[in-house]
C-alpha atoms as a PDB file:
ATOM      1  CA  MET A   1       6.345   5.598   9.412  1.00  0.00           C
ATOM      2  CA  SER A   2       8.435   3.921   6.617  1.00  0.00           C
ATOM      3  CA  VAL A   3       5.580   1.346   6.304  1.00  0.00           C
ATOM      4  CA  ILE A   4       3.473   3.565   5.116  1.00  0.00           C
ATOM      5  CA  TYR A   5       5.690   5.385   3.186  1.00  0.00           C
ATOM      6  CA  GLN A   6       6.661   2.270   1.340  1.00  0.00           C
ATOM      7  CA  PHE A   7       2.789   1.285   0.278  1.00  0.00           C
ATOM      8  CA  LEU A   8       3.097   5.149  -0.813  1.00  0.00           C
ATOM      9  CA  CYS A   9       5.007   3.172  -4.066  1.00  0.00           C
ATOM     10  CA  HIS A  10       2.771  -0.089  -3.995  1.00  0.00           C
ATOM     11  CA  PRO A  11      -0.175   0.328  -6.713  1.00  0.00           C
ATOM     12  CA  ASP A  12      -3.127  -1.615  -4.701  1.00  0.00           C
ATOM     13  CA  LEU A  13      -2.476   0.271  -1.642  1.00  0.00           C
ATOM     14  CA  ARG A  14      -0.855   4.157  -2.434  1.00  0.00           C
ATOM     15  CA  THR A  15      -4.179   5.600  -1.819  1.00  0.00           C
ATOM     16  CA  THR A  16      -5.259   3.919   1.293  1.00  0.00           C
ATOM     17  CA  ALA A  17      -1.502   5.190   2.406  1.00  0.00           C
ATOM     18  CA  SER A  18      -1.829   8.693   1.779  1.00  0.00           C
ATOM     19  CA  GLU A  19      -5.146   8.900   3.144  1.00  0.00           C
ATOM     20  CA  THR A  20      -3.831   7.236   6.367  1.00  0.00           C
ATOM     21  CA  LEU A  21      -1.321  10.052   6.134  1.00  0.00           C
ATOM     22  CA  ALA A  22      -4.120  12.712   5.974  1.00  0.00           C
ATOM     23  CA  ASN A  23      -5.679  11.241   8.433  1.00  0.00           C
ATOM     24  CA  ILE A  24      -2.864  11.242  10.678  1.00  0.00           C
ATOM     25  CA  VAL A  25      -2.131  14.939  10.074  1.00  0.00           C
ATOM     26  CA  SER A  26      -5.369  15.497  10.883  1.00  0.00           C
ATOM     27  CA  LYS A  27      -5.644  14.805  14.765  1.00  0.00           C
ATOM     28  CA  LYS A  28      -6.095  17.149  16.980  1.00  0.00           C
ATOM     29  CA  MET A  29      -2.935  18.475  18.954  1.00  0.00           C
ATOM     30  CA  GLY A  30      -1.670  21.191  20.621  1.00  0.00           C
ATOM     31  CA  ALA A  31       0.429  23.353  18.087  1.00  0.00           C
ATOM     32  CA  ALA A  32       3.861  22.101  19.422  1.00  0.00           C
ATOM     33  CA  ASP A  33       3.280  18.709  19.265  1.00  0.00           C
ATOM     34  CA  LYS A  34       1.350  18.706  15.605  1.00  0.00           C
ATOM     35  CA  LEU A  35       3.704  21.226  14.751  1.00  0.00           C
ATOM     36  CA  HIS A  36       7.007  18.219  15.603  1.00  0.00           C
ATOM     37  CA  LEU A  37       4.538  15.465  13.619  1.00  0.00           C
ATOM     38  CA  ILE A  38       4.432  17.975  10.339  1.00  0.00           C
ATOM     39  CA  THR A  39       8.277  18.276  10.733  1.00  0.00           C
ATOM     40  CA  PHE A  40       8.984  14.755  11.616  1.00  0.00           C
ATOM     41  CA  LEU A  41       6.887  13.193   8.802  1.00  0.00           C
ATOM     42  CA  ASN A  42       8.276  15.512   5.762  1.00  0.00           C
ATOM     43  CA  LEU A  43       5.319  15.460   3.617  1.00  0.00           C
ATOM     44  CA  THR A  44       6.949  18.077   1.623  1.00  0.00           C
ATOM     45  CA  GLN A  45       9.576  15.851   0.265  1.00  0.00           C
ATOM     46  CA  ILE A  46       7.609  12.432   0.259  1.00  0.00           C
ATOM     47  CA  VAL A  47       4.255  14.302  -1.937  1.00  0.00           C
ATOM     48  CA  ASN A  48       7.377  15.433  -4.061  1.00  0.00           C
ATOM     49  CA  SER A  49       8.773  12.127  -4.623  1.00  0.00           C
ATOM     50  CA  VAL A  50       6.040   9.861  -5.363  1.00  0.00           C
ATOM     51  CA  GLY A  51       4.509  10.665  -9.367  1.00  0.00           C
ATOM     52  CA  ALA A  52       0.706  10.447  -8.893  1.00  0.00           C
ATOM     53  CA  GLU A  53      -0.363  11.851 -12.839  1.00  0.00           C
ATOM     54  CA  GLU A  54      -1.606   8.508 -13.869  1.00  0.00           C
ATOM     55  CA  ASP A  55      -3.738   7.487 -11.129  1.00  0.00           C
ATOM     56  CA  VAL A  56      -6.733   9.888 -10.662  1.00  0.00           C
ATOM     57  CA  GLU A  57      -7.941   8.456  -7.210  1.00  0.00           C
ATOM     58  CA  PHE A  58      -4.113   8.575  -5.644  1.00  0.00           C
ATOM     59  CA  SER A  59      -3.639  12.234  -6.906  1.00  0.00           C
ATOM     60  CA  GLU A  60      -7.074  12.985  -5.078  1.00  0.00           C
ATOM     61  CA  GLY A  61      -5.521  11.207  -1.868  1.00  0.00           C
ATOM     62  CA  MET A  62      -2.290  13.169  -1.950  1.00  0.00           C
ATOM     63  CA  ALA A  63      -4.199  16.075  -2.589  1.00  0.00           C
ATOM     64  CA  ARG A  64      -6.019  15.605   0.654  1.00  0.00           C
ATOM     65  CA  LEU A  65      -2.613  15.075   1.984  1.00  0.00           C
ATOM     66  CA  VAL A  66      -1.611  18.251   0.883  1.00  0.00           C
ATOM     67  CA  ASN A  67      -4.743  20.138   2.119  1.00  0.00           C
ATOM     68  CA  ALA A  68      -4.566  18.419   5.739  1.00  0.00           C
ATOM     69  CA  GLN A  69      -1.215  19.751   6.257  1.00  0.00           C
ATOM     70  CA  GLY A  70      -2.197  23.524   4.870  1.00  0.00           C
ATOM     71  CA  THR A  71      -5.198  23.144   7.362  1.00  0.00           C
ATOM     72  CA  GLU A  72      -3.294  22.167  10.173  1.00  0.00           C
ATOM     73  CA  LEU A  73      -0.781  24.990   9.601  1.00  0.00           C
ATOM     74  CA  THR A  74      -3.528  27.045   9.028  1.00  0.00           C
ATOM     75  CA  ARG A  75      -4.941  25.848  12.674  1.00  0.00           C
ATOM     76  CA  ILE A  76      -1.090  26.419  14.349  1.00  0.00           C
ATOM     77  CA  LEU A  77      -0.739  29.835  13.031  1.00  0.00           C
ATOM     78  CA  MET A  78      -4.412  31.120  13.972  1.00  0.00           C
ATOM     79  CA  GLU A  79      -3.713  29.403  17.278  1.00  0.00           C
ATOM     80  CA  VAL A  80      -0.336  31.298  18.106  1.00  0.00           C
ATOM     81  CA  HIS A  81      -1.689  34.404  16.269  1.00  0.00           C
ATOM     82  CA  PHE A  82      -4.470  34.425  19.157  1.00  0.00           C
ATOM     83  CA  SER A  83      -2.380  33.438  21.856  1.00  0.00           C
ATOM     84  CA  GLN A  84      -0.083  36.019  21.348  1.00  0.00           C
ATOM     85  CA  LYS A  85      -2.717  38.564  20.929  1.00  0.00           C
ATOM     86  CA  PHE A  86      -4.195  38.010  24.155  1.00  0.00           C
ATOM     87  CA  SER A  87      -1.415  37.214  26.022  1.00  0.00           C
ATOM     88  CA  ASP A  88      -0.718  39.568  29.205  1.00  0.00           C
ATOM     89  CA  ARG A  89       2.819  39.476  28.858  1.00  0.00           C
ATOM     90  CA  GLY A  90       3.314  39.818  25.173  1.00  0.00           C
ATOM     91  CA  ALA A  91       4.859  37.330  22.589  1.00  0.00           C
ATOM     92  CA  VAL A  92       6.233  33.967  23.957  1.00  0.00           C
ATOM     93  CA  PRO A  93       9.576  33.360  22.523  1.00  0.00           C
ATOM     94  CA  SER A  94       7.919  29.501  21.440  1.00  0.00           C
ATOM     95  CA  HIS A  95       5.185  31.091  19.374  1.00  0.00           C
ATOM     96  CA  VAL A  96       7.490  33.429  17.271  1.00  0.00           C
ATOM     97  CA  ASN A  97       9.415  29.774  16.411  1.00  0.00           C
ATOM     98  CA  TYR A  98       5.807  28.269  15.959  1.00  0.00           C
ATOM     99  CA  ARG A  99       5.042  30.952  13.449  1.00  0.00           C
ATOM    100  CA  PHE A 100       8.482  30.804  11.666  1.00  0.00           C
ATOM    101  CA  GLN A 101       8.199  26.891  11.639  1.00  0.00           C
ATOM    102  CA  SER A 102       4.568  26.858  10.381  1.00  0.00           C
ATOM    103  CA  SER A 103       5.516  29.752   7.725  1.00  0.00           C
ATOM    104  CA  THR A 104       8.545  27.372   6.411  1.00  0.00           C
ATOM    105  CA  HIS A 105       5.790  24.236   5.599  1.00  0.00           C
ATOM    106  CA  PHE A 106       3.648  26.682   3.847  1.00  0.00           C
ATOM    107  CA  LYS A 107       6.378  27.980   1.782  1.00  0.00           C
ATOM    108  CA  ARG A 108       7.104  24.487   0.874  1.00  0.00           C
ATOM    109  CA  ALA A 109       3.214  23.143   0.500  1.00  0.00           C
ATOM    110  CA  ILE A 110       2.171  25.827  -2.188  1.00  0.00           C
ATOM    111  CA  PRO A 111       4.191  24.616  -4.837  1.00  0.00           C
ATOM    112  CA  LEU A 112       2.750  21.056  -3.965  1.00  0.00           C
ATOM    113  CA  THR A 113      -0.788  22.422  -4.153  1.00  0.00           C
ATOM    114  CA  PHE A 114      -0.177  24.251  -7.600  1.00  0.00           C
ATOM    115  CA  ALA A 115       1.513  21.167  -8.972  1.00  0.00           C
ATOM    116  CA  ILE A 116      -1.573  18.840  -8.243  1.00  0.00           C
ATOM    117  CA  LEU A 117      -4.013  21.701  -9.525  1.00  0.00           C
ATOM    118  CA  VAL A 118      -1.697  22.063 -13.021  1.00  0.00           C
ATOM    119  CA  ARG A 119      -2.273  17.919 -13.401  1.00  0.00           C
ATOM    120  CA  ARG A 120      -5.353  17.703 -12.493  1.00  0.00           C
ATOM    121  CA  VAL A 121      -6.328  20.442 -15.049  1.00  0.00           C
ATOM    122  CA  ARG A 122      -3.924  19.316 -17.748  1.00  0.00           C
ATOM    123  CA  ARG A 123      -6.042  15.911 -17.510  1.00  0.00           C
ATOM    124  CA  TYR A 124      -9.183  17.641 -18.730  1.00  0.00           C
END
């Protein structure tokens, strides 16, 4: 993963690297595995550390990455919600943990989404 992260700083490869990360995040997995992957990738910190103001194509790639992460976190929350709702035994402790972790990632990702939108609006 460190190689892909290094490519985010290379002007000719950064858009492709951001799209690669978005594709990795979008791969279908179970809720636990996906949450572990999102936590491992630490995308919120990566997106915050990379400047994309002057490169429109790269900004769009980073926006796709943030969108992919948000979509997957939403899917995890929905999966956990419905599995709890239709469970005969009630809430399973791991589901509570998944919900908490997903919510934490959402809270970190929302400011990134707004930052990307503000950059786009300022350009026009």
